[in-house]
């Protein structure tokens, strides 16, 4: 079992910045990649960015150059620095963690944190 707790969401104006944090606890020794997804009202959940245990990153085209994902393995925490925010970034942001491999692989999700960007 892995527990994920997100923090750092809020209301910000267009062009502003926010930093999201996701702290993992529990059976973290088998956590591999971690990532951030978002879901806007009426839309499907979509990948924002993810990062492997060794730091390889992947970003959605819509956030490249504006968002940065990072990971502190010592603190079992993944971060999402969001700059130059736009109203279309408004969504609930979810942290996830890939646990285990093969038949034992499981994806854990946090409870989500709201990000609202006003125009």
C-alpha atoms as a PDB file:
ATOM      1  CA  UNK A   1       0.000   0.000   0.000  1.00  0.00           C
ATOM      2  CA  UNK A   2       1.127   3.515  -0.869  1.00  0.00           C
ATOM      3  CA  UNK A   3      -0.476   6.702   0.353  1.00  0.00           C
ATOM      4  CA  UNK A   4      -0.113   9.917  -1.648  1.00  0.00           C
ATOM      5  CA  UNK A   5      -0.911  13.340  -0.219  1.00  0.00           C
ATOM      6  CA  UNK A   6      -0.930  16.358  -2.516  1.00  0.00           C
ATOM      7  CA  UNK A   7      -0.622  19.974  -1.465  1.00  0.00           C
ATOM      8  CA  UNK A   8       0.010  23.373  -3.005  1.00  0.00           C
ATOM      9  CA  UNK A   9      -3.070  23.978  -5.103  1.00  0.00           C
ATOM     10  CA  UNK A  10      -4.987  27.224  -5.045  1.00  0.00           C
ATOM     11  CA  UNK A  11      -6.185  30.251  -6.959  1.00  0.00           C
ATOM     12  CA  UNK A  12      -3.748  32.234  -9.065  1.00  0.00           C
ATOM     13  CA  UNK A  13      -3.974  34.835 -11.800  1.00  0.00           C
ATOM     14  CA  UNK A  14      -2.979  34.230 -15.400  1.00  0.00           C
ATOM     15  CA  UNK A  15       0.788  34.273 -15.678  1.00  0.00           C
ATOM     16  CA  UNK A  16       1.289  33.310 -12.068  1.00  0.00           C
ATOM     17  CA  UNK A  17       3.024  30.307 -10.549  1.00  0.00           C
ATOM     18  CA  UNK A  18       2.197  27.481  -8.187  1.00  0.00           C
ATOM     19  CA  UNK A  19       4.189  24.565  -6.840  1.00  0.00           C
ATOM     20  CA  UNK A  20       2.444  21.293  -6.134  1.00  0.00           C
ATOM     21  CA  UNK A  21       3.894  18.670  -3.819  1.00  0.00           C
ATOM     22  CA  UNK A  22       3.023  15.021  -3.438  1.00  0.00           C
ATOM     23  CA  UNK A  23       4.366  13.100  -0.465  1.00  0.00           C
ATOM     24  CA  UNK A  24       4.387   9.312  -0.638  1.00  0.00           C
ATOM     25  CA  UNK A  25       4.331   6.982   2.351  1.00  0.00           C
ATOM     26  CA  UNK A  26       3.870   3.280   2.959  1.00  0.00           C
ATOM     27  CA  UNK A  27       5.542   0.626   0.806  1.00  0.00           C
ATOM     28  CA  UNK A  28       7.537   3.179  -1.123  1.00  0.00           C
ATOM     29  CA  UNK A  29      10.562   0.980  -1.815  1.00  0.00           C
ATOM     30  CA  UNK A  30       8.744  -0.486  -4.820  1.00  0.00           C
ATOM     31  CA  UNK A  31       7.567   2.839  -6.208  1.00  0.00           C
ATOM     32  CA  UNK A  32       8.899   3.397  -9.710  1.00  0.00           C
ATOM     33  CA  UNK A  33       7.630   6.292 -11.827  1.00  0.00           C
ATOM     34  CA  UNK A  34       5.557   9.072 -10.309  1.00  0.00           C
ATOM     35  CA  UNK A  35       3.516  11.625 -12.124  1.00  0.00           C
ATOM     36  CA  UNK A  36       0.929  14.338 -12.221  1.00  0.00           C
ATOM     37  CA  UNK A  37      -2.378  14.137 -14.039  1.00  0.00           C
ATOM     38  CA  UNK A  38      -5.181  16.668 -14.246  1.00  0.00           C
ATOM     39  CA  UNK A  39      -8.884  16.607 -14.885  1.00  0.00           C
ATOM     40  CA  UNK A  40     -10.907  19.638 -15.880  1.00  0.00           C
ATOM     41  CA  UNK A  41     -14.723  19.675 -15.590  1.00  0.00           C
ATOM     42  CA  UNK A  42     -16.304  17.631 -18.354  1.00  0.00           C
ATOM     43  CA  UNK A  43     -12.960  16.342 -19.598  1.00  0.00           C
ATOM     44  CA  UNK A  44     -10.990  13.155 -19.235  1.00  0.00           C
ATOM     45  CA  UNK A  45      -8.043  12.896 -16.898  1.00  0.00           C
ATOM     46  CA  UNK A  46      -4.843  13.616 -18.790  1.00  0.00           C
ATOM     47  CA  UNK A  47      -1.141  13.229 -18.156  1.00  0.00           C
ATOM     48  CA  UNK A  48       0.681  16.430 -17.257  1.00  0.00           C
ATOM     49  CA  UNK A  49       4.139  15.078 -16.530  1.00  0.00           C
ATOM     50  CA  UNK A  50       5.864  12.049 -15.093  1.00  0.00           C
ATOM     51  CA  UNK A  51       9.306  11.182 -13.810  1.00  0.00           C
ATOM     52  CA  UNK A  52      11.130   7.887 -13.361  1.00  0.00           C
ATOM     53  CA  UNK A  53      13.066   6.857 -10.302  1.00  0.00           C
ATOM     54  CA  UNK A  54      16.295   7.966 -11.970  1.00  0.00           C
ATOM     55  CA  UNK A  55      14.902  11.301 -13.098  1.00  0.00           C
ATOM     56  CA  UNK A  56      13.846  10.854 -16.704  1.00  0.00           C
ATOM     57  CA  UNK A  57      10.910  13.131 -17.419  1.00  0.00           C
ATOM     58  CA  UNK A  58       8.025  13.306 -19.839  1.00  0.00           C
ATOM     59  CA  UNK A  59       5.645  16.237 -20.396  1.00  0.00           C
ATOM     60  CA  UNK A  60       2.381  16.896 -22.164  1.00  0.00           C
ATOM     61  CA  UNK A  61       2.909  19.231 -25.097  1.00  0.00           C
ATOM     62  CA  UNK A  62       0.557  21.770 -23.542  1.00  0.00           C
ATOM     63  CA  UNK A  63       2.833  22.312 -20.536  1.00  0.00           C
ATOM     64  CA  UNK A  64       6.310  21.959 -22.036  1.00  0.00           C
ATOM     65  CA  UNK A  65       8.467  24.940 -21.217  1.00  0.00           C
ATOM     66  CA  UNK A  66       6.106  26.087 -18.441  1.00  0.00           C
ATOM     67  CA  UNK A  67       5.939  23.185 -15.982  1.00  0.00           C
ATOM     68  CA  UNK A  68       8.789  21.294 -14.360  1.00  0.00           C
ATOM     69  CA  UNK A  69       8.469  17.977 -12.558  1.00  0.00           C
ATOM     70  CA  UNK A  70      11.088  16.957 -10.044  1.00  0.00           C
ATOM     71  CA  UNK A  71      11.543  14.284  -7.445  1.00  0.00           C
ATOM     72  CA  UNK A  72      13.317  14.015  -4.115  1.00  0.00           C
ATOM     73  CA  UNK A  73      13.741  10.299  -3.444  1.00  0.00           C
ATOM     74  CA  UNK A  74      15.130  10.961   0.041  1.00  0.00           C
ATOM     75  CA  UNK A  75      11.891  12.735   0.964  1.00  0.00           C
ATOM     76  CA  UNK A  76       9.671  10.435  -1.140  1.00  0.00           C
ATOM     77  CA  UNK A  77       8.176  13.541  -2.678  1.00  0.00           C
ATOM     78  CA  UNK A  78       7.460  14.632  -6.225  1.00  0.00           C
ATOM     79  CA  UNK A  79       6.941  18.270  -7.173  1.00  0.00           C
ATOM     80  CA  UNK A  80       5.322  20.112 -10.031  1.00  0.00           C
ATOM     81  CA  UNK A  81       6.493  23.683 -10.548  1.00  0.00           C
ATOM     82  CA  UNK A  82       3.936  25.460 -12.700  1.00  0.00           C
ATOM     83  CA  UNK A  83       4.862  28.795 -14.252  1.00  0.00           C
ATOM     84  CA  UNK A  84       3.119  31.052 -16.753  1.00  0.00           C
ATOM     85  CA  UNK A  85      -0.209  29.554 -15.785  1.00  0.00           C
ATOM     86  CA  UNK A  86      -3.163  29.894 -18.129  1.00  0.00           C
ATOM     87  CA  UNK A  87      -6.916  29.606 -17.513  1.00  0.00           C
ATOM     88  CA  UNK A  88      -6.883  26.328 -19.439  1.00  0.00           C
ATOM     89  CA  UNK A  89      -4.612  24.888 -16.747  1.00  0.00           C
ATOM     90  CA  UNK A  90      -7.551  25.035 -14.347  1.00  0.00           C
ATOM     91  CA  UNK A  91      -8.252  21.508 -13.145  1.00  0.00           C
ATOM     92  CA  UNK A  92      -7.980  19.102 -10.265  1.00  0.00           C
ATOM     93  CA  UNK A  93      -4.393  17.843 -10.233  1.00  0.00           C
ATOM     94  CA  UNK A  94      -3.730  14.282  -9.129  1.00  0.00           C
ATOM     95  CA  UNK A  95      -0.470  12.684  -8.166  1.00  0.00           C
ATOM     96  CA  UNK A  96       0.099   9.047  -9.014  1.00  0.00           C
ATOM     97  CA  UNK A  97       2.698   6.426  -8.321  1.00  0.00           C
ATOM     98  CA  UNK A  98       3.546   3.226 -10.151  1.00  0.00           C
ATOM     99  CA  UNK A  99       4.211   0.424  -7.689  1.00  0.00           C
ATOM    100  CA  UNK A 100       5.803  -2.903  -8.519  1.00  0.00           C
ATOM    101  CA  UNK A 101       6.386  -4.564 -11.872  1.00  0.00           C
ATOM    102  CA  UNK A 102       4.697  -7.038 -14.165  1.00  0.00           C
ATOM    103  CA  UNK A 103       1.763  -8.877 -12.645  1.00  0.00           C
ATOM    104  CA  UNK A 104       2.338  -7.021  -9.354  1.00  0.00           C
ATOM    105  CA  UNK A 105       2.144  -3.583 -10.944  1.00  0.00           C
ATOM    106  CA  UNK A 106      -0.364  -1.225  -9.397  1.00  0.00           C
ATOM    107  CA  UNK A 107      -1.118   2.487  -9.774  1.00  0.00           C
ATOM    108  CA  UNK A 108      -1.890   4.542  -6.696  1.00  0.00           C
ATOM    109  CA  UNK A 109      -3.606   7.937  -6.773  1.00  0.00           C
ATOM    110  CA  UNK A 110      -3.745  10.878  -4.447  1.00  0.00           C
ATOM    111  CA  UNK A 111      -6.952  12.670  -3.529  1.00  0.00           C
ATOM    112  CA  UNK A 112      -6.322  15.604  -5.853  1.00  0.00           C
ATOM    113  CA  UNK A 113      -5.726  19.304  -5.366  1.00  0.00           C
ATOM    114  CA  UNK A 114      -7.622  22.085  -7.108  1.00  0.00           C
ATOM    115  CA  UNK A 115      -5.755  24.571  -9.279  1.00  0.00           C
ATOM    116  CA  UNK A 116      -7.750  27.546 -10.533  1.00  0.00           C
ATOM    117  CA  UNK A 117      -6.261  30.133 -12.871  1.00  0.00           C
ATOM    118  CA  UNK A 118      -8.276  33.309 -13.242  1.00  0.00           C
ATOM    119  CA  UNK A 119      -8.184  35.377 -16.407  1.00  0.00           C
END
